N, C-alpha and C. Protein backbone atom coordinates (compact mmCIF):
# COMPACT_ATOMS: atom_id res chain seq x y z
N MET A 1 -21.07 -52.87 96.14
CA MET A 1 -20.54 -51.42 96.42
C MET A 1 -21.67 -50.45 96.83
N TYR A 2 -20.85 -49.44 97.58
CA TYR A 2 -21.86 -48.58 98.34
C TYR A 2 -21.77 -47.16 97.80
N PHE A 3 -22.61 -46.41 97.56
CA PHE A 3 -22.49 -44.92 97.08
C PHE A 3 -22.20 -44.11 98.52
N VAL A 4 -21.41 -43.23 98.19
CA VAL A 4 -21.05 -42.23 99.26
C VAL A 4 -21.79 -41.23 99.56
N SER A 5 -22.27 -40.87 100.84
CA SER A 5 -23.33 -39.81 101.13
C SER A 5 -23.12 -38.58 100.34
N GLN A 6 -23.87 -37.74 99.84
CA GLN A 6 -23.73 -36.56 99.27
C GLN A 6 -22.64 -36.52 98.27
N SER A 7 -22.13 -37.72 97.72
CA SER A 7 -21.05 -37.50 96.48
C SER A 7 -21.50 -36.90 95.40
N ARG A 8 -20.39 -36.37 94.66
CA ARG A 8 -20.68 -35.39 93.41
C ARG A 8 -20.50 -36.51 92.25
N VAL A 9 -21.16 -36.26 91.27
CA VAL A 9 -21.20 -37.17 90.04
C VAL A 9 -21.15 -35.93 88.85
N SER A 10 -19.99 -36.20 87.88
CA SER A 10 -19.72 -35.40 86.82
C SER A 10 -20.47 -35.90 85.45
N VAL A 11 -21.05 -35.09 85.03
CA VAL A 11 -21.67 -35.70 83.69
C VAL A 11 -21.45 -34.72 82.51
N TRP A 12 -20.72 -35.21 81.28
CA TRP A 12 -20.60 -34.50 80.14
C TRP A 12 -22.12 -34.54 79.36
N VAL A 13 -22.43 -33.42 79.04
CA VAL A 13 -23.63 -33.29 78.29
C VAL A 13 -23.35 -32.61 76.90
N THR A 14 -23.79 -33.07 75.84
CA THR A 14 -23.57 -32.41 74.56
C THR A 14 -24.89 -31.74 74.23
N ARG A 15 -24.97 -30.48 73.90
CA ARG A 15 -25.88 -29.66 73.51
C ARG A 15 -26.45 -30.02 71.90
N PRO A 16 -27.68 -30.51 71.81
CA PRO A 16 -28.21 -30.61 70.56
C PRO A 16 -27.98 -29.64 69.48
N GLY A 17 -27.44 -29.76 68.24
CA GLY A 17 -27.38 -28.88 67.29
C GLY A 17 -26.13 -27.92 67.40
N THR A 18 -25.42 -28.10 68.50
CA THR A 18 -24.19 -27.33 68.75
C THR A 18 -22.87 -28.23 68.77
N GLY A 19 -23.02 -29.27 69.08
CA GLY A 19 -21.82 -30.15 69.16
C GLY A 19 -20.97 -29.69 70.41
N HIS A 20 -21.48 -28.58 71.30
CA HIS A 20 -20.64 -28.34 72.12
C HIS A 20 -20.93 -29.12 73.52
N GLN A 21 -19.91 -29.55 74.45
CA GLN A 21 -19.99 -30.15 75.48
C GLN A 21 -19.87 -29.33 76.87
N SER A 22 -20.62 -29.58 77.84
CA SER A 22 -20.58 -28.90 79.03
C SER A 22 -20.57 -29.92 80.09
N ASN A 23 -19.82 -29.49 81.12
CA ASN A 23 -19.61 -30.31 82.15
C ASN A 23 -20.50 -30.01 83.45
N GLN A 24 -21.52 -30.93 83.73
CA GLN A 24 -22.43 -30.67 84.78
C GLN A 24 -22.22 -31.62 85.91
N GLU A 25 -22.53 -30.96 87.23
CA GLU A 25 -22.41 -31.59 88.37
C GLU A 25 -23.48 -31.80 89.09
N TYR A 26 -23.84 -33.17 89.61
CA TYR A 26 -25.01 -33.67 90.28
C TYR A 26 -24.58 -34.15 91.58
N ARG A 27 -25.43 -33.78 92.73
CA ARG A 27 -25.33 -34.43 93.97
C ARG A 27 -26.12 -35.39 94.28
N VAL A 28 -25.65 -36.55 94.80
CA VAL A 28 -26.37 -37.73 95.06
C VAL A 28 -26.52 -38.19 96.64
N ASN A 29 -27.57 -38.23 96.85
CA ASN A 29 -27.63 -38.65 98.42
C ASN A 29 -27.71 -40.17 98.48
N SER A 30 -26.82 -40.70 99.31
CA SER A 30 -27.03 -42.03 99.56
C SER A 30 -28.19 -42.85 100.26
N SER A 31 -29.04 -42.00 100.64
CA SER A 31 -30.44 -42.66 101.09
C SER A 31 -31.30 -42.81 100.01
N GLU A 32 -30.99 -42.46 98.92
CA GLU A 32 -31.96 -42.52 97.59
C GLU A 32 -31.21 -43.79 96.73
N VAL A 33 -30.25 -44.48 97.15
CA VAL A 33 -29.67 -45.50 96.41
C VAL A 33 -29.43 -46.70 97.37
N LEU A 34 -29.99 -47.61 96.89
CA LEU A 34 -29.83 -49.09 97.56
C LEU A 34 -28.33 -49.52 97.64
N PRO A 35 -27.98 -50.06 98.74
CA PRO A 35 -26.54 -50.69 98.56
C PRO A 35 -26.49 -51.88 97.53
N MET A 36 -25.78 -52.01 96.88
CA MET A 36 -25.69 -53.03 96.04
C MET A 36 -24.37 -54.03 95.99
N SER A 37 -24.35 -55.34 95.70
CA SER A 37 -23.52 -56.13 95.67
C SER A 37 -22.84 -56.01 94.36
N SER A 38 -21.72 -56.78 94.20
CA SER A 38 -20.97 -56.46 92.98
C SER A 38 -21.49 -57.12 91.68
N ALA A 39 -22.56 -57.94 92.05
CA ALA A 39 -23.59 -58.51 90.95
C ALA A 39 -24.54 -57.73 90.46
N GLY A 40 -25.04 -56.67 91.33
CA GLY A 40 -25.86 -55.69 90.97
C GLY A 40 -26.95 -56.01 91.76
N GLY A 41 -27.04 -56.91 92.83
CA GLY A 41 -28.41 -57.28 93.60
C GLY A 41 -28.19 -56.61 94.90
N ALA A 42 -29.25 -56.25 95.62
CA ALA A 42 -29.35 -55.66 96.98
C ALA A 42 -28.86 -56.62 97.90
N ARG A 43 -28.09 -56.13 98.88
CA ARG A 43 -27.67 -57.03 100.18
C ARG A 43 -28.94 -57.43 101.04
N TYR A 44 -28.80 -58.48 101.85
CA TYR A 44 -29.70 -58.61 102.87
C TYR A 44 -29.55 -57.61 104.10
N GLY A 45 -30.58 -57.60 104.96
CA GLY A 45 -30.38 -56.48 105.87
C GLY A 45 -29.67 -56.76 106.96
N THR A 46 -29.16 -55.99 108.12
CA THR A 46 -28.39 -56.41 109.19
C THR A 46 -28.96 -57.53 109.83
N TRP A 47 -30.35 -57.45 110.13
CA TRP A 47 -30.81 -58.58 111.13
C TRP A 47 -30.65 -59.88 110.40
N ALA A 48 -31.13 -60.19 108.92
CA ALA A 48 -30.86 -61.29 108.40
C ALA A 48 -29.63 -61.82 108.44
N ILE A 49 -28.39 -60.86 108.10
CA ILE A 49 -27.36 -61.39 108.03
C ILE A 49 -26.66 -61.84 109.34
N THR A 50 -26.95 -60.91 110.41
CA THR A 50 -26.83 -61.52 111.80
C THR A 50 -27.06 -62.88 112.20
N ALA A 51 -28.71 -63.09 112.11
CA ALA A 51 -29.37 -64.19 112.10
C ALA A 51 -28.74 -65.37 111.48
N HIS A 52 -28.53 -65.14 110.45
CA HIS A 52 -28.13 -66.24 109.50
C HIS A 52 -26.43 -66.86 110.02
N TRP A 53 -25.74 -65.93 110.41
CA TRP A 53 -24.30 -66.49 110.88
C TRP A 53 -24.26 -66.88 112.26
N VAL A 54 -25.29 -66.41 112.98
CA VAL A 54 -25.38 -66.95 114.43
C VAL A 54 -25.87 -68.43 114.17
N MET A 55 -27.21 -68.50 113.35
CA MET A 55 -27.54 -69.81 113.23
C MET A 55 -26.59 -70.68 112.61
N PHE A 56 -25.65 -70.29 111.70
CA PHE A 56 -24.75 -71.21 111.25
C PHE A 56 -23.58 -71.72 112.32
N VAL A 57 -23.35 -70.69 113.26
CA VAL A 57 -22.35 -71.21 114.24
C VAL A 57 -22.94 -72.18 115.47
N LEU A 58 -24.31 -71.72 115.65
CA LEU A 58 -25.22 -72.74 116.63
C LEU A 58 -25.39 -73.94 115.97
N LEU A 59 -25.47 -74.04 114.59
CA LEU A 59 -25.65 -75.20 114.00
C LEU A 59 -24.23 -76.42 114.11
N VAL A 60 -23.23 -75.66 113.81
CA VAL A 60 -21.68 -76.24 113.84
C VAL A 60 -21.60 -77.12 115.35
N VAL A 61 -21.97 -75.94 116.23
CA VAL A 61 -21.76 -76.54 117.74
C VAL A 61 -22.94 -77.69 117.97
N VAL A 62 -24.02 -77.41 117.75
CA VAL A 62 -25.13 -78.52 117.89
C VAL A 62 -24.82 -79.85 117.16
N GLY A 63 -24.20 -79.63 116.08
CA GLY A 63 -23.87 -80.86 115.07
C GLY A 63 -22.53 -81.47 115.56
N VAL A 64 -21.70 -80.81 116.05
CA VAL A 64 -20.31 -81.34 116.66
C VAL A 64 -20.90 -82.24 118.13
N LEU A 65 -21.34 -81.54 118.85
CA LEU A 65 -21.87 -82.31 120.11
C LEU A 65 -22.89 -83.32 119.86
N GLY A 66 -23.72 -83.25 118.84
CA GLY A 66 -24.59 -84.45 118.67
C GLY A 66 -23.63 -85.72 117.88
N LEU A 67 -22.54 -85.38 117.11
CA LEU A 67 -21.82 -86.40 116.55
C LEU A 67 -21.00 -87.18 117.79
N LEU A 68 -20.65 -86.27 118.84
CA LEU A 68 -19.65 -86.84 119.83
C LEU A 68 -20.56 -87.50 120.94
N HIS A 69 -21.87 -87.61 120.83
CA HIS A 69 -22.76 -88.09 121.74
C HIS A 69 -22.29 -89.49 122.35
N ASP A 70 -21.84 -90.32 121.44
CA ASP A 70 -21.35 -91.69 121.88
C ASP A 70 -20.00 -91.57 122.59
N SER A 71 -19.32 -90.59 122.40
CA SER A 71 -17.97 -90.53 122.80
C SER A 71 -17.74 -89.94 124.00
N TRP A 72 -18.69 -89.34 124.70
CA TRP A 72 -18.83 -88.72 126.07
C TRP A 72 -18.56 -89.73 127.35
N PRO A 73 -17.83 -89.59 128.20
CA PRO A 73 -17.75 -90.37 129.29
C PRO A 73 -19.11 -90.43 129.94
N LYS A 74 -19.21 -91.44 130.58
CA LYS A 74 -20.74 -91.75 131.30
C LYS A 74 -20.64 -90.62 132.40
N ASN A 75 -19.69 -90.33 133.12
CA ASN A 75 -19.98 -89.43 134.19
C ASN A 75 -20.24 -88.06 133.76
N SER A 76 -20.01 -87.73 132.51
CA SER A 76 -20.24 -86.33 131.94
C SER A 76 -21.50 -86.30 130.86
N GLN A 77 -21.85 -87.43 130.53
CA GLN A 77 -22.63 -87.67 129.61
C GLN A 77 -24.06 -86.82 129.71
N ALA A 78 -24.29 -86.69 130.71
CA ALA A 78 -25.92 -85.97 131.07
C ALA A 78 -25.45 -84.43 130.91
N PHE A 79 -24.22 -83.93 131.20
CA PHE A 79 -24.00 -82.58 131.36
C PHE A 79 -23.57 -82.19 129.76
N TRP A 80 -23.15 -83.01 128.93
CA TRP A 80 -22.95 -82.61 127.61
C TRP A 80 -24.42 -82.68 126.93
N ILE A 81 -25.20 -83.67 127.18
CA ILE A 81 -26.44 -83.72 126.50
C ILE A 81 -27.24 -82.47 126.67
N ASN A 82 -27.11 -81.94 128.15
CA ASN A 82 -28.04 -80.83 128.47
C ASN A 82 -27.34 -79.64 127.56
N VAL A 83 -26.09 -79.62 127.47
CA VAL A 83 -25.53 -78.75 126.70
C VAL A 83 -25.91 -78.51 125.21
N HIS A 84 -26.09 -79.68 124.74
CA HIS A 84 -26.58 -80.00 123.30
C HIS A 84 -27.94 -79.57 123.43
N ALA A 85 -28.63 -79.82 124.21
CA ALA A 85 -30.23 -79.39 124.34
C ALA A 85 -30.13 -78.00 124.16
N LEU A 86 -29.67 -77.08 125.12
CA LEU A 86 -29.67 -75.84 125.17
C LEU A 86 -29.22 -75.07 123.88
N PHE A 87 -28.22 -75.54 123.25
CA PHE A 87 -27.93 -74.91 122.03
C PHE A 87 -28.78 -75.12 120.92
N GLY A 88 -29.36 -76.53 121.09
CA GLY A 88 -30.48 -76.68 119.79
C GLY A 88 -31.74 -76.00 120.07
N LEU A 89 -32.12 -75.81 121.47
CA LEU A 89 -33.28 -74.99 121.56
C LEU A 89 -32.93 -73.58 121.22
N SER A 90 -31.85 -73.01 121.43
CA SER A 90 -31.33 -71.67 120.99
C SER A 90 -31.50 -71.51 119.61
N LEU A 91 -31.07 -72.51 118.71
CA LEU A 91 -31.11 -72.50 117.17
C LEU A 91 -32.73 -72.64 116.85
N TRP A 92 -33.50 -73.38 117.54
CA TRP A 92 -34.78 -73.44 117.12
C TRP A 92 -35.53 -72.12 117.47
N ILE A 93 -35.41 -71.40 118.62
CA ILE A 93 -35.93 -70.25 118.99
C ILE A 93 -35.51 -68.97 117.86
N LEU A 94 -34.18 -68.99 117.47
CA LEU A 94 -33.70 -68.10 116.69
C LEU A 94 -34.25 -68.52 115.32
N LEU A 95 -34.26 -69.72 114.85
CA LEU A 95 -35.02 -69.82 113.71
C LEU A 95 -36.31 -69.15 113.41
N ILE A 96 -37.13 -69.26 114.56
CA ILE A 96 -38.61 -68.77 114.52
C ILE A 96 -38.37 -67.31 114.58
N PHE A 97 -37.67 -66.65 115.08
CA PHE A 97 -37.41 -65.10 114.92
C PHE A 97 -36.95 -64.89 113.63
N ARG A 98 -36.04 -65.52 113.04
CA ARG A 98 -35.54 -65.38 111.64
C ARG A 98 -36.71 -65.42 110.72
N TYR A 99 -37.45 -66.14 110.89
CA TYR A 99 -38.50 -66.74 109.98
C TYR A 99 -39.60 -65.35 110.05
N ILE A 100 -39.90 -64.74 111.10
CA ILE A 100 -40.91 -63.84 111.57
C ILE A 100 -40.18 -62.57 110.74
N GLY A 101 -38.95 -62.37 110.92
CA GLY A 101 -38.26 -61.27 110.28
C GLY A 101 -38.39 -61.37 108.98
N ARG A 102 -38.34 -62.67 108.26
CA ARG A 102 -38.09 -62.60 106.74
C ARG A 102 -39.66 -62.54 106.47
N LEU A 103 -40.68 -62.65 107.09
CA LEU A 103 -42.11 -62.33 106.72
C LEU A 103 -42.54 -60.67 106.79
N ARG A 104 -41.96 -60.02 107.94
CA ARG A 104 -41.61 -58.57 108.18
C ARG A 104 -41.03 -57.86 107.39
N PHE A 105 -39.73 -58.15 106.97
CA PHE A 105 -38.91 -57.60 106.14
C PHE A 105 -38.39 -58.75 105.03
N PRO A 106 -39.34 -58.68 103.80
CA PRO A 106 -39.02 -59.58 102.80
C PRO A 106 -37.38 -59.58 102.34
N PRO A 107 -36.82 -60.56 101.82
CA PRO A 107 -35.74 -60.49 101.42
C PRO A 107 -35.35 -59.64 100.20
N PRO A 108 -34.10 -59.35 99.79
CA PRO A 108 -33.95 -58.26 98.36
C PRO A 108 -34.21 -59.33 97.12
N PRO A 109 -34.52 -58.70 96.30
CA PRO A 109 -34.73 -59.60 94.90
C PRO A 109 -33.86 -60.63 94.58
N PRO A 110 -34.07 -61.53 94.03
CA PRO A 110 -33.28 -62.73 93.75
C PRO A 110 -31.81 -62.09 92.77
N ALA A 111 -30.85 -62.88 93.10
CA ALA A 111 -29.67 -62.31 92.25
C ALA A 111 -29.99 -62.77 90.76
N ASP A 112 -28.95 -62.36 90.04
CA ASP A 112 -29.20 -62.45 88.63
C ASP A 112 -28.83 -63.94 88.06
N GLN A 113 -29.92 -64.82 88.40
CA GLN A 113 -29.49 -65.99 87.86
C GLN A 113 -30.69 -66.56 87.14
N SER A 114 -30.53 -67.70 86.69
CA SER A 114 -31.66 -68.35 85.80
C SER A 114 -32.76 -68.71 86.72
N SER A 115 -33.90 -69.00 86.03
CA SER A 115 -35.10 -69.17 86.73
C SER A 115 -35.04 -70.64 87.46
N ALA A 116 -34.29 -71.44 86.98
CA ALA A 116 -34.22 -72.87 87.54
C ALA A 116 -33.23 -72.88 88.71
N MET A 117 -32.06 -72.03 88.64
CA MET A 117 -31.28 -71.79 89.85
C MET A 117 -32.04 -71.23 90.90
N GLN A 118 -32.83 -69.94 90.60
CA GLN A 118 -33.66 -69.47 91.76
C GLN A 118 -34.67 -70.32 92.42
N LYS A 119 -35.29 -71.18 91.73
CA LYS A 119 -36.24 -72.10 92.09
C LYS A 119 -35.37 -73.30 92.86
N LEU A 120 -34.50 -73.77 92.48
CA LEU A 120 -33.53 -74.59 93.29
C LEU A 120 -33.14 -74.02 94.66
N ALA A 121 -32.55 -72.76 94.56
CA ALA A 121 -32.09 -72.08 95.74
C ALA A 121 -33.33 -72.01 96.84
N ARG A 122 -34.63 -71.54 96.24
CA ARG A 122 -35.87 -71.50 97.20
C ARG A 122 -36.09 -72.77 97.86
N ALA A 123 -36.00 -73.89 96.80
CA ALA A 123 -36.49 -75.18 97.49
C ALA A 123 -35.39 -75.62 98.70
N VAL A 124 -34.03 -75.43 98.45
CA VAL A 124 -33.24 -75.81 99.52
C VAL A 124 -33.48 -74.89 100.67
N HIS A 125 -33.80 -73.54 100.61
CA HIS A 125 -33.74 -72.80 101.87
C HIS A 125 -35.04 -73.03 102.47
N LEU A 126 -36.17 -73.54 101.85
CA LEU A 126 -37.42 -73.90 102.62
C LEU A 126 -37.24 -75.31 102.99
N THR A 127 -36.34 -76.28 102.61
CA THR A 127 -36.17 -77.38 103.13
C THR A 127 -35.17 -77.17 104.32
N LEU A 128 -34.47 -76.45 104.36
CA LEU A 128 -33.49 -76.13 105.50
C LEU A 128 -34.25 -75.53 106.72
N TYR A 129 -35.15 -74.68 106.31
CA TYR A 129 -35.99 -74.10 107.20
C TYR A 129 -36.91 -75.12 107.97
N ALA A 130 -37.71 -76.23 107.11
CA ALA A 130 -38.44 -77.06 107.46
C ALA A 130 -37.59 -78.13 108.54
N LEU A 131 -36.41 -78.56 107.96
CA LEU A 131 -35.60 -79.47 108.82
C LEU A 131 -35.21 -78.82 110.15
N LEU A 132 -34.83 -77.52 110.13
CA LEU A 132 -34.36 -76.97 111.34
C LEU A 132 -35.46 -76.76 112.26
N PHE A 133 -36.64 -76.64 111.84
CA PHE A 133 -37.95 -76.50 112.68
C PHE A 133 -38.07 -77.83 113.23
N ILE A 134 -38.27 -78.79 112.43
CA ILE A 134 -38.65 -80.13 113.06
C ILE A 134 -37.71 -80.89 113.94
N ILE A 135 -36.48 -80.90 113.68
CA ILE A 135 -35.50 -81.75 114.20
C ILE A 135 -35.45 -81.35 115.83
N PRO A 136 -35.54 -80.19 116.39
CA PRO A 136 -35.27 -79.84 117.77
C PRO A 136 -36.72 -80.51 118.46
N ILE A 137 -37.74 -80.46 117.74
CA ILE A 137 -39.01 -81.19 118.44
C ILE A 137 -38.97 -82.37 118.58
N PHE A 138 -38.32 -83.33 117.70
CA PHE A 138 -37.95 -84.79 117.97
C PHE A 138 -36.90 -84.60 118.95
N GLY A 139 -35.79 -83.86 119.17
CA GLY A 139 -35.02 -83.80 120.03
C GLY A 139 -35.55 -83.51 121.55
N ILE A 140 -36.43 -82.55 121.62
CA ILE A 140 -37.34 -82.40 122.95
C ILE A 140 -37.94 -83.39 123.29
N VAL A 141 -38.85 -84.13 122.47
CA VAL A 141 -39.74 -85.38 122.96
C VAL A 141 -38.66 -86.32 123.38
N THR A 142 -37.33 -86.69 122.78
CA THR A 142 -36.48 -87.60 123.09
C THR A 142 -35.86 -87.29 124.46
N PHE A 143 -35.54 -85.94 124.61
CA PHE A 143 -34.96 -85.38 125.93
C PHE A 143 -35.84 -85.75 127.16
N ILE A 144 -37.13 -85.31 127.02
CA ILE A 144 -38.03 -85.43 127.99
C ILE A 144 -38.45 -87.00 128.23
N TRP A 145 -38.71 -87.63 127.25
CA TRP A 145 -38.99 -89.08 127.46
C TRP A 145 -37.97 -89.78 127.79
N HIS A 146 -36.73 -89.33 127.92
CA HIS A 146 -35.66 -90.18 128.53
C HIS A 146 -35.63 -89.99 130.21
N GLY A 147 -36.65 -88.99 130.50
CA GLY A 147 -36.68 -88.98 132.11
C GLY A 147 -35.76 -87.97 132.58
N ARG A 148 -35.04 -86.92 131.55
CA ARG A 148 -34.06 -85.94 131.91
C ARG A 148 -34.77 -84.61 132.46
N SER A 149 -34.13 -83.93 133.06
CA SER A 149 -34.42 -82.40 133.46
C SER A 149 -33.33 -81.66 132.74
N LEU A 150 -33.94 -80.31 132.42
CA LEU A 150 -33.16 -79.34 131.55
C LEU A 150 -32.67 -78.55 132.44
N ASP A 151 -31.35 -78.56 132.71
CA ASP A 151 -30.70 -77.40 133.55
C ASP A 151 -30.46 -76.13 132.84
N LEU A 152 -31.03 -75.03 133.39
CA LEU A 152 -31.03 -73.90 132.66
C LEU A 152 -29.85 -72.85 133.75
N GLY A 153 -29.32 -73.50 134.56
CA GLY A 153 -28.28 -72.80 135.25
C GLY A 153 -28.87 -72.25 136.59
N LEU A 154 -29.72 -71.42 136.57
CA LEU A 154 -30.34 -70.96 137.95
C LEU A 154 -31.54 -71.69 138.17
N VAL A 155 -32.16 -72.12 137.00
CA VAL A 155 -33.34 -73.05 137.19
C VAL A 155 -33.25 -74.31 136.48
N GLN A 156 -34.02 -75.50 137.17
CA GLN A 156 -33.88 -76.73 136.63
C GLN A 156 -35.38 -77.21 136.28
N LEU A 157 -35.64 -77.55 134.84
CA LEU A 157 -36.98 -77.70 134.57
C LEU A 157 -37.20 -79.35 134.58
N ASN A 158 -37.85 -79.78 135.54
CA ASN A 158 -38.12 -81.08 135.58
C ASN A 158 -39.62 -81.36 135.16
N PHE A 159 -39.53 -82.06 134.12
CA PHE A 159 -40.81 -82.37 133.34
C PHE A 159 -41.86 -83.53 133.89
N GLY A 160 -41.34 -84.17 135.01
CA GLY A 160 -42.02 -85.25 135.60
C GLY A 160 -42.49 -86.43 134.74
N VAL A 161 -41.56 -86.69 133.70
CA VAL A 161 -42.04 -87.64 132.95
C VAL A 161 -41.11 -88.78 133.04
N ALA A 162 -41.71 -90.12 133.29
CA ALA A 162 -40.98 -91.21 133.35
C ALA A 162 -40.27 -91.65 132.16
N LYS A 163 -39.02 -92.25 132.17
CA LYS A 163 -38.48 -92.85 131.02
C LYS A 163 -39.12 -93.75 130.23
N ASN A 164 -39.21 -93.57 128.99
CA ASN A 164 -40.37 -94.49 128.24
C ASN A 164 -39.52 -94.81 127.00
N ARG A 165 -38.87 -96.05 126.87
CA ARG A 165 -38.24 -96.57 125.59
C ARG A 165 -39.01 -96.59 124.25
N ALA A 166 -40.40 -96.86 124.51
CA ALA A 166 -41.12 -96.95 123.33
C ALA A 166 -41.37 -95.68 122.74
N ILE A 167 -41.06 -94.68 123.32
CA ILE A 167 -41.22 -93.19 122.88
C ILE A 167 -39.90 -92.55 122.39
N PHE A 168 -38.79 -92.69 123.28
CA PHE A 168 -37.64 -91.90 122.91
C PHE A 168 -36.63 -92.72 121.95
N GLU A 169 -37.00 -94.10 122.01
CA GLU A 169 -36.00 -94.73 121.10
C GLU A 169 -36.30 -94.44 119.52
N PRO A 170 -37.67 -94.34 119.02
CA PRO A 170 -37.64 -93.93 117.85
C PRO A 170 -37.60 -92.64 117.48
N THR A 171 -37.82 -91.67 118.34
CA THR A 171 -37.73 -90.22 118.07
C THR A 171 -36.30 -89.87 118.09
N GLU A 172 -35.60 -90.66 119.01
CA GLU A 172 -34.04 -90.49 119.07
C GLU A 172 -33.41 -90.83 117.56
N ASP A 173 -33.90 -92.05 116.98
CA ASP A 173 -33.52 -92.57 115.45
C ASP A 173 -33.85 -91.25 114.63
N ILE A 174 -35.17 -90.91 114.82
CA ILE A 174 -35.68 -89.81 113.47
C ILE A 174 -34.83 -88.46 113.77
N HIS A 175 -34.45 -88.07 114.88
CA HIS A 175 -33.85 -86.97 115.29
C HIS A 175 -32.44 -87.10 114.62
N GLY A 176 -31.84 -88.11 114.74
CA GLY A 176 -30.59 -88.39 114.14
C GLY A 176 -30.36 -88.51 112.75
N TYR A 177 -31.34 -89.12 112.27
CA TYR A 177 -31.31 -89.35 110.61
C TYR A 177 -31.75 -87.85 110.07
N LEU A 178 -32.45 -87.20 110.65
CA LEU A 178 -33.00 -85.80 109.89
C LEU A 178 -31.65 -85.01 110.27
N ALA A 179 -30.95 -85.06 111.32
CA ALA A 179 -29.66 -84.19 111.53
C ALA A 179 -28.72 -84.53 110.43
N TYR A 180 -28.42 -85.77 110.13
CA TYR A 180 -27.81 -85.99 108.80
C TYR A 180 -28.15 -85.29 107.53
N CYS A 181 -29.60 -85.29 107.33
CA CYS A 181 -30.04 -84.85 106.38
C CYS A 181 -29.50 -83.16 106.07
N VAL A 182 -29.80 -82.58 107.31
CA VAL A 182 -29.52 -81.07 107.15
C VAL A 182 -28.01 -80.78 107.38
N PHE A 183 -27.21 -81.83 107.77
CA PHE A 183 -25.95 -81.41 107.64
C PHE A 183 -25.60 -81.63 105.99
N GLY A 184 -26.02 -82.51 105.54
CA GLY A 184 -25.88 -82.57 104.13
C GLY A 184 -26.36 -81.57 103.27
N LEU A 185 -27.41 -81.09 103.48
CA LEU A 185 -28.15 -80.07 102.67
C LEU A 185 -27.34 -78.62 102.97
N ALA A 186 -27.00 -78.27 104.40
CA ALA A 186 -26.34 -77.16 104.73
C ALA A 186 -24.72 -77.26 104.04
N THR A 187 -24.37 -78.18 104.00
CA THR A 187 -22.81 -78.61 103.22
C THR A 187 -22.92 -77.98 101.84
N ALA A 188 -23.93 -78.76 101.12
CA ALA A 188 -24.35 -78.26 99.63
C ALA A 188 -24.66 -76.82 99.81
N HIS A 189 -25.33 -76.37 100.77
CA HIS A 189 -25.63 -74.86 100.49
C HIS A 189 -24.41 -73.93 100.43
N ALA A 190 -23.41 -74.37 101.39
CA ALA A 190 -22.29 -73.68 101.45
C ALA A 190 -21.21 -73.71 100.45
N LEU A 191 -21.11 -74.96 99.76
CA LEU A 191 -20.36 -75.19 98.70
C LEU A 191 -21.04 -74.46 97.53
N ALA A 192 -22.31 -74.36 97.29
CA ALA A 192 -22.79 -73.58 96.35
C ALA A 192 -22.45 -72.08 96.57
N ALA A 193 -22.50 -71.71 97.79
CA ALA A 193 -22.05 -70.18 97.92
C ALA A 193 -20.72 -69.93 97.55
N LEU A 194 -19.81 -70.80 97.90
CA LEU A 194 -18.34 -70.70 97.42
C LEU A 194 -18.15 -70.91 96.14
N TRP A 195 -19.05 -71.59 95.46
CA TRP A 195 -18.92 -71.84 94.05
C TRP A 195 -19.41 -70.50 93.28
N HIS A 196 -20.32 -70.14 93.61
CA HIS A 196 -20.77 -68.53 93.13
C HIS A 196 -19.96 -67.56 93.39
N HIS A 197 -19.15 -67.73 94.44
CA HIS A 197 -18.14 -66.59 94.99
C HIS A 197 -16.64 -66.76 94.13
N PHE A 198 -16.07 -68.07 94.18
CA PHE A 198 -14.95 -68.32 93.69
C PHE A 198 -14.79 -68.80 92.31
N ILE A 199 -15.94 -69.27 91.57
CA ILE A 199 -15.96 -69.66 90.20
C ILE A 199 -16.70 -68.80 89.49
N LYS A 200 -17.91 -68.48 89.86
CA LYS A 200 -18.75 -67.29 88.93
C LYS A 200 -18.46 -65.90 89.10
N HIS A 201 -18.02 -65.65 90.50
CA HIS A 201 -17.73 -64.35 90.57
C HIS A 201 -18.96 -63.56 90.49
N ASP A 202 -20.05 -63.83 91.19
CA ASP A 202 -21.29 -63.07 90.82
C ASP A 202 -21.91 -62.25 91.84
N GLY A 203 -21.10 -62.36 93.04
CA GLY A 203 -21.50 -61.51 94.19
C GLY A 203 -22.67 -62.19 95.09
N VAL A 204 -22.97 -63.43 94.80
CA VAL A 204 -24.16 -63.88 95.54
C VAL A 204 -23.81 -64.09 97.19
N LEU A 205 -22.58 -64.36 97.22
CA LEU A 205 -22.39 -64.77 98.82
C LEU A 205 -22.14 -63.23 99.34
N ARG A 206 -21.70 -62.32 98.73
CA ARG A 206 -21.57 -60.97 99.33
C ARG A 206 -22.87 -60.47 99.85
N ARG A 207 -23.73 -60.86 99.20
CA ARG A 207 -25.30 -60.47 99.60
C ARG A 207 -25.41 -60.68 101.27
N MET A 208 -24.86 -61.96 101.44
CA MET A 208 -25.03 -62.25 102.83
C MET A 208 -23.78 -62.38 103.77
N TRP A 209 -22.82 -61.55 103.18
CA TRP A 209 -21.63 -61.62 104.00
C TRP A 209 -21.78 -60.31 105.01
N PRO A 210 -21.18 -60.58 106.14
CA PRO A 210 -21.29 -59.61 107.35
C PRO A 210 -20.45 -58.35 106.78
């Protein structure tokens, strides 16, 4: 909930020894009160919320493109692999900026949960960060040692690296296996948020809702 700027608050005060009550008005400035979720926990900042949901969209797009990798026609496969790489790099760069922003602007205090739940949530977040940082690196290595060039539209980056199966085959496998891990973990993360919202009704999801 949000407090309205310069709102008036009426308070009934009982004077000691008299039993008489008087109504006193106080003016509250919204700048002095942090926005709160329904669970009593402060919401994340605008940058954190925006980055979170943009990363979510990018992850869905990259995931779908990756899962359809073997279904692309041969004549358009190179195009879709390039699109997959561009979205993956965008996700990777945004992740780095998101983490830097998290260091500069610490997240709000944890929601009202048990210590065990807070530790579990932190472990899931850190694991997601680690996976989302590592997976694109294996993807970049796979892309380059496939002998591919990155088409940026106006500019084409030719890495000048010859195709080498000894390098790209294991990195491609690791890239795929770790991607399945992040899909599973992200799904669990989303289901936990929905559980908080629809079952516990504790406002945890609203802390990150746009």
